[in-house]
Amino acid sequence: MTQTPQVPQAEQTEPRLSGVRNFRDVGGLPTGDGRTVRRGVLYRSGHLAKATAEDAAFLSSLGLHTVFDFRNDADVALDGHDIALDGVRHVNIPLTDPADGAEFWRMVRDGDLAQLRAALGDGKAALRMSSTYRVIMKTRTTEHSRVLHALAEDSVPALMHCAAGKDRAGLSVAVTLLALGVERDAIEEDYLASAAPHRRYRFRRSDDSPAALTPEVADLLSPLFDARREYLAAAFTTIEEEWGTVDAYLTRGLGFGPDRRERLRARMLDG
């Protein structure tokens, strides 16, 4: 007897976008005071450069105010500019590239096995990712402050994306959720959802023949495209080491005090 494969509920209910990876509504996550993030006010995804006409029609139907694009010039050179959505503000706020920029990605795309082993083997790839999460949290306070203040004022509904929608967008969403008072476990759950196979970034090597894409090459590259608990934990640890508490991080690190947080929560929370 043939069995019908069971599709996870998240996959059943999420919109199927042909040219946009890792799209989802962040709504529904619980806060520590019993409220939830309102649906339809914050979305996240990979880049919009390859969005189809049907994708664009769906995105336009969301009533977006702002798209926050956290890619840098190297990302745009690789994937292209976002499609334009009528009436939607596009704000580019480049954040640190999670894999050290254009030269690193050129090696990832074009390097031979020996180069990949030297750069990524023996846990180096995962360590690089955790290290970069720390750097983003420590050095990109101005950028994260800008996003929070924009959301508190006039920028919702908003869509946040980078290239894969996993690292830079993932951290920006996490910072927003911290400001909203969302529980850390729920933030982690949302972050880890980017690891699902149907959400992963479609990265291509210059030589994508079967001989080039061996299991060893796939294993070496995998940490760069995974959403791992240890990566997000590195970000939270950085907050604790640098500022002590989330409240101090938001207030002193981002200049986003209790009054601004209440304004943000009024705009983005139910209950």
Protein backbone atom coordinates (compact mmCIF):
# COMPACT_ATOMS: atom_id res chain seq x y z
CA MET A 1 0.00 0.00 0.00
CA THR A 2 1.33 3.42 -0.95
CA GLN A 3 1.44 5.90 1.90
CA THR A 4 0.98 9.62 1.38
CA PRO A 5 3.95 11.53 2.80
CA GLN A 6 3.04 13.63 5.81
CA VAL A 7 3.78 17.30 5.25
CA PRO A 8 4.53 19.31 8.42
CA GLN A 9 1.72 21.68 9.36
CA ALA A 10 4.01 24.70 8.93
CA GLU A 11 4.65 23.71 5.32
CA GLN A 12 0.93 23.20 4.71
CA THR A 13 -0.04 26.66 5.91
CA GLU A 14 2.89 28.75 4.65
CA PRO A 15 2.55 30.41 1.25
CA ARG A 16 4.44 28.70 -1.52
CA LEU A 17 6.68 31.34 -3.08
CA SER A 18 8.59 30.19 -6.14
CA GLY A 19 11.49 32.64 -6.05
CA VAL A 20 11.67 33.64 -2.38
CA ARG A 21 13.07 31.26 0.22
CA ASN A 22 12.43 31.04 3.94
CA PHE A 23 9.37 33.29 4.02
CA ARG A 24 7.17 33.28 7.10
CA ASP A 25 5.03 35.41 9.37
CA VAL A 26 6.66 35.85 12.78
CA GLY A 27 3.26 36.39 14.41
CA GLY A 28 1.96 34.17 17.17
CA LEU A 29 5.09 34.01 19.33
CA PRO A 30 4.40 34.43 23.07
CA THR A 31 5.75 37.18 25.29
CA GLY A 32 6.66 36.88 28.93
CA ASP A 33 3.59 38.85 30.02
CA GLY A 34 1.10 36.61 28.25
CA ARG A 35 0.66 38.51 25.01
CA THR A 36 1.58 37.36 21.49
CA VAL A 37 3.19 38.94 18.46
CA ARG A 38 0.39 40.11 16.18
CA ARG A 39 0.12 38.29 12.87
CA GLY A 40 0.65 40.33 9.76
CA VAL A 41 3.05 42.89 11.25
CA LEU A 42 6.46 41.21 10.90
CA TYR A 43 7.63 38.84 8.19
CA ARG A 44 11.04 37.38 7.39
CA SER A 45 12.53 35.78 4.30
CA GLY A 46 15.49 35.36 2.02
CA HIS A 47 16.22 37.97 -0.65
CA LEU A 48 13.56 39.13 -3.10
CA ALA A 49 15.79 39.35 -6.17
CA LYS A 50 14.37 36.23 -7.82
CA ALA A 51 10.74 36.77 -6.87
CA THR A 52 8.30 35.84 -9.64
CA ALA A 53 5.34 37.93 -10.71
CA GLU A 54 3.12 35.68 -8.58
CA ASP A 55 5.47 36.12 -5.61
CA ALA A 56 5.37 39.88 -6.07
CA ALA A 57 1.56 39.85 -6.18
CA PHE A 58 1.46 37.91 -2.92
CA LEU A 59 3.98 40.19 -1.20
CA SER A 60 2.06 43.24 -2.41
CA SER A 61 -1.11 41.81 -0.86
CA LEU A 62 0.45 41.93 2.62
CA GLY A 63 0.16 45.70 2.92
CA LEU A 64 3.85 46.08 3.70
CA HIS A 65 5.15 49.47 4.76
CA THR A 66 8.89 48.67 4.72
CA VAL A 67 11.26 45.99 3.48
CA PHE A 68 14.49 45.91 5.50
CA ASP A 69 17.28 44.46 3.35
CA PHE A 70 20.38 43.59 5.40
CA ARG A 71 22.53 42.49 2.44
CA ASN A 72 25.75 44.21 1.41
CA ASP A 73 27.17 44.98 -2.04
CA ALA A 74 28.73 41.52 -2.36
CA ASP A 75 25.34 39.89 -1.77
CA VAL A 76 23.64 42.10 -4.31
CA ALA A 77 26.36 41.40 -6.88
CA LEU A 78 25.76 37.67 -6.39
CA ASP A 79 21.96 37.55 -6.29
CA GLY A 80 20.76 40.88 -7.71
CA HIS A 81 18.66 43.75 -6.42
CA ASP A 82 15.29 43.15 -4.82
CA ILE A 83 12.26 43.45 -7.03
CA ALA A 84 10.35 46.69 -6.52
CA LEU A 85 7.01 46.49 -4.71
CA ASP A 86 4.67 49.38 -5.44
CA GLY A 87 4.13 51.63 -2.47
CA VAL A 88 6.59 49.75 -0.24
CA ARG A 89 9.66 51.49 1.18
CA HIS A 90 12.92 49.56 0.66
CA VAL A 91 15.55 50.24 3.33
CA ASN A 92 19.03 48.77 2.86
CA ILE A 93 20.98 48.45 6.11
CA PRO A 94 24.06 46.32 5.36
CA LEU A 95 25.19 44.15 8.25
CA THR A 96 28.40 42.17 8.69
CA ASP A 97 28.47 39.30 6.23
CA PRO A 98 28.21 36.03 8.20
CA ALA A 99 31.07 34.52 6.22
CA ASP A 100 33.51 37.41 5.90
CA GLY A 101 32.40 38.88 2.61
CA ALA A 102 33.17 38.55 -1.05
CA GLU A 103 36.59 36.90 -0.85
CA PHE A 104 35.34 34.18 1.45
CA TRP A 105 32.32 33.45 -0.71
CA ARG A 106 34.49 33.36 -3.81
CA MET A 107 36.52 30.61 -2.15
CA VAL A 108 33.33 28.79 -1.16
CA ARG A 109 32.05 28.93 -4.73
CA ASP A 110 35.31 28.32 -6.58
CA GLY A 111 37.78 26.75 -4.14
CA ASP A 112 39.02 23.21 -4.53
CA LEU A 113 38.65 20.54 -1.88
CA ALA A 114 41.98 21.34 -0.22
CA GLN A 115 41.01 25.01 0.15
CA LEU A 116 37.61 24.11 1.56
CA ARG A 117 39.17 21.69 4.05
CA ALA A 118 41.65 24.32 5.22
CA ALA A 119 39.02 27.04 5.63
CA LEU A 120 36.04 25.06 6.87
CA GLY A 121 37.22 21.71 8.19
CA ASP A 122 37.70 20.57 11.79
CA GLY A 123 34.84 22.75 13.03
CA LYS A 124 36.20 25.99 11.54
CA ALA A 125 33.02 26.74 9.61
CA ALA A 126 30.79 26.53 12.69
CA LEU A 127 33.25 28.56 14.75
CA ARG A 128 33.28 31.23 12.03
CA MET A 129 29.52 31.47 12.14
CA SER A 130 29.34 31.74 15.94
CA SER A 131 32.11 34.33 15.91
CA THR A 132 30.31 36.44 13.34
CA TYR A 133 27.08 36.35 15.30
CA ARG A 134 29.04 37.76 18.22
CA VAL A 135 30.51 40.49 16.01
CA ILE A 136 27.09 41.49 14.69
CA MET A 137 25.63 41.82 18.17
CA LYS A 138 28.60 43.77 19.50
CA THR A 139 29.29 46.12 16.60
CA ARG A 140 25.97 46.64 14.80
CA THR A 141 24.11 48.35 17.60
CA THR A 142 23.52 51.49 15.51
CA GLU A 143 21.89 49.45 12.76
CA HIS A 144 19.71 47.43 15.12
CA SER A 145 18.71 50.62 16.95
CA ARG A 146 17.69 52.17 13.64
CA VAL A 147 15.44 49.21 12.85
CA LEU A 148 13.72 49.23 16.25
CA HIS A 149 13.07 52.97 16.18
CA ALA A 150 11.65 52.69 12.66
CA LEU A 151 9.32 49.87 13.70
CA ALA A 152 8.14 51.83 16.73
CA GLU A 153 7.31 54.83 14.54
CA ASP A 154 5.84 53.90 11.18
CA SER A 155 7.45 50.88 9.51
CA VAL A 156 4.96 48.06 10.11
CA PRO A 157 3.97 45.80 8.54
CA ALA A 158 7.61 45.03 7.81
CA LEU A 159 9.57 42.32 6.03
CA MET A 160 13.17 41.65 7.10
CA HIS A 161 15.55 39.76 4.85
CA CYS A 162 19.19 39.20 4.01
CA ALA A 163 20.44 36.65 1.48
CA ALA A 164 19.17 33.43 3.07
CA GLY A 165 16.95 35.05 5.70
CA LYS A 166 18.82 33.09 8.35
CA ASP A 167 21.75 35.02 9.85
CA ARG A 168 21.54 38.79 9.54
CA ALA A 169 17.78 38.81 9.19
CA GLY A 170 17.59 36.14 11.87
CA LEU A 171 19.48 38.28 14.35
CA SER A 172 17.50 41.40 13.47
CA VAL A 173 14.26 39.52 14.02
CA ALA A 174 15.65 38.16 17.30
CA VAL A 175 16.54 41.67 18.49
CA THR A 176 13.04 42.85 17.60
CA LEU A 177 11.51 39.95 19.49
CA LEU A 178 13.68 40.71 22.52
CA ALA A 179 12.38 44.28 22.48
CA LEU A 180 8.83 42.93 22.30
CA GLY A 181 9.44 40.77 25.35
CA VAL A 182 9.19 37.43 23.54
CA GLU A 183 10.45 34.45 25.51
CA ARG A 184 13.95 33.30 24.59
CA ASP A 185 12.79 29.73 23.87
CA ALA A 186 10.25 31.06 21.36
CA ILE A 187 12.88 33.24 19.68
CA GLU A 188 15.11 30.19 19.37
CA GLU A 189 12.28 28.10 17.93
CA ASP A 190 11.57 30.71 15.26
CA TYR A 191 15.28 30.99 14.44
CA LEU A 192 15.74 27.21 14.10
CA ALA A 193 12.82 26.99 11.69
CA SER A 194 15.18 28.33 9.00
CA ALA A 195 16.96 24.95 9.07
CA ALA A 196 13.98 23.19 7.45
CA PRO A 197 14.91 21.74 4.02
CA HIS A 198 12.20 23.69 2.18
CA ARG A 199 13.56 26.96 3.59
CA ARG A 200 17.29 26.57 2.98
CA TYR A 201 19.16 28.96 0.71
CA ARG A 202 19.86 27.51 -2.73
CA PHE A 203 23.58 28.03 -3.01
CA ARG A 204 25.42 26.88 -6.13
CA ARG A 205 29.07 26.12 -6.58
CA SER A 206 30.67 27.34 -9.80
CA ASP A 207 31.23 23.69 -10.67
CA ASP A 208 28.06 21.95 -9.51
CA SER A 209 28.76 18.66 -11.25
CA PRO A 210 28.35 15.45 -9.24
CA ALA A 211 32.13 15.16 -9.04
CA ALA A 212 32.41 18.61 -7.46
CA LEU A 213 29.47 18.27 -5.06
CA THR A 214 30.76 15.26 -3.16
CA PRO A 215 29.42 14.35 0.29
CA GLU A 216 32.60 15.78 1.82
CA VAL A 217 32.10 19.14 0.09
CA ALA A 218 28.47 19.18 1.23
CA ASP A 219 29.53 18.46 4.81
CA LEU A 220 32.16 21.21 4.73
CA LEU A 221 29.65 23.77 3.45
CA SER A 222 26.71 22.68 5.59
CA PRO A 223 27.52 24.77 8.71
CA LEU A 224 27.37 27.94 6.62
CA PHE A 225 23.78 27.25 5.59
CA ASP A 226 22.49 25.74 8.83
CA ALA A 227 20.55 27.54 11.52
CA ARG A 228 22.14 26.10 14.65
CA ARG A 229 21.22 26.63 18.28
CA GLU A 230 24.88 27.34 19.09
CA TYR A 231 24.96 30.30 16.69
CA LEU A 232 22.04 32.09 18.31
CA ALA A 233 23.39 31.17 21.74
CA ALA A 234 26.60 33.04 20.83
CA ALA A 235 24.52 36.15 20.20
CA PHE A 236 22.70 35.89 23.53
CA THR A 237 25.99 35.24 25.34
CA THR A 238 27.43 38.40 23.79
CA ILE A 239 24.53 40.43 25.19
CA GLU A 240 25.22 39.01 28.64
CA GLU A 241 28.97 39.60 28.42
CA GLU A 242 28.77 43.13 27.03
CA TRP A 243 25.69 44.56 28.73
CA GLY A 244 24.70 42.10 31.46
CA THR A 245 20.96 41.99 30.75
CA VAL A 246 18.59 42.33 27.82
CA ASP A 247 17.17 45.49 29.38
CA ALA A 248 20.63 47.08 29.54
CA TYR A 249 21.38 45.97 25.97
CA LEU A 250 18.21 47.59 24.68
CA THR A 251 18.50 50.74 26.80
CA ARG A 252 22.23 51.44 26.77
CA GLY A 253 23.37 49.48 23.75
CA LEU A 254 20.57 50.41 21.36
CA GLY A 255 19.21 53.57 22.97
CA PHE A 256 15.79 51.95 23.02
CA GLY A 257 14.38 52.58 26.45
CA PRO A 258 11.20 51.39 28.20
CA ASP A 259 8.98 54.10 26.69
CA ARG A 260 10.03 53.20 23.15
CA ARG A 261 9.54 49.51 23.90
CA GLU A 262 6.00 50.17 25.05
CA ARG A 263 5.32 52.06 21.82
CA LEU A 264 6.71 49.13 19.83
CA ARG A 265 4.66 46.62 21.80
CA ALA A 266 1.48 48.61 21.30
CA ARG A 267 2.06 48.45 17.53
CA MET A 268 3.10 44.81 17.26
CA LEU A 269 1.49 42.78 20.08
CA ASP A 270 -1.98 41.39 20.67
CA GLY A 271 -3.53 41.43 24.10
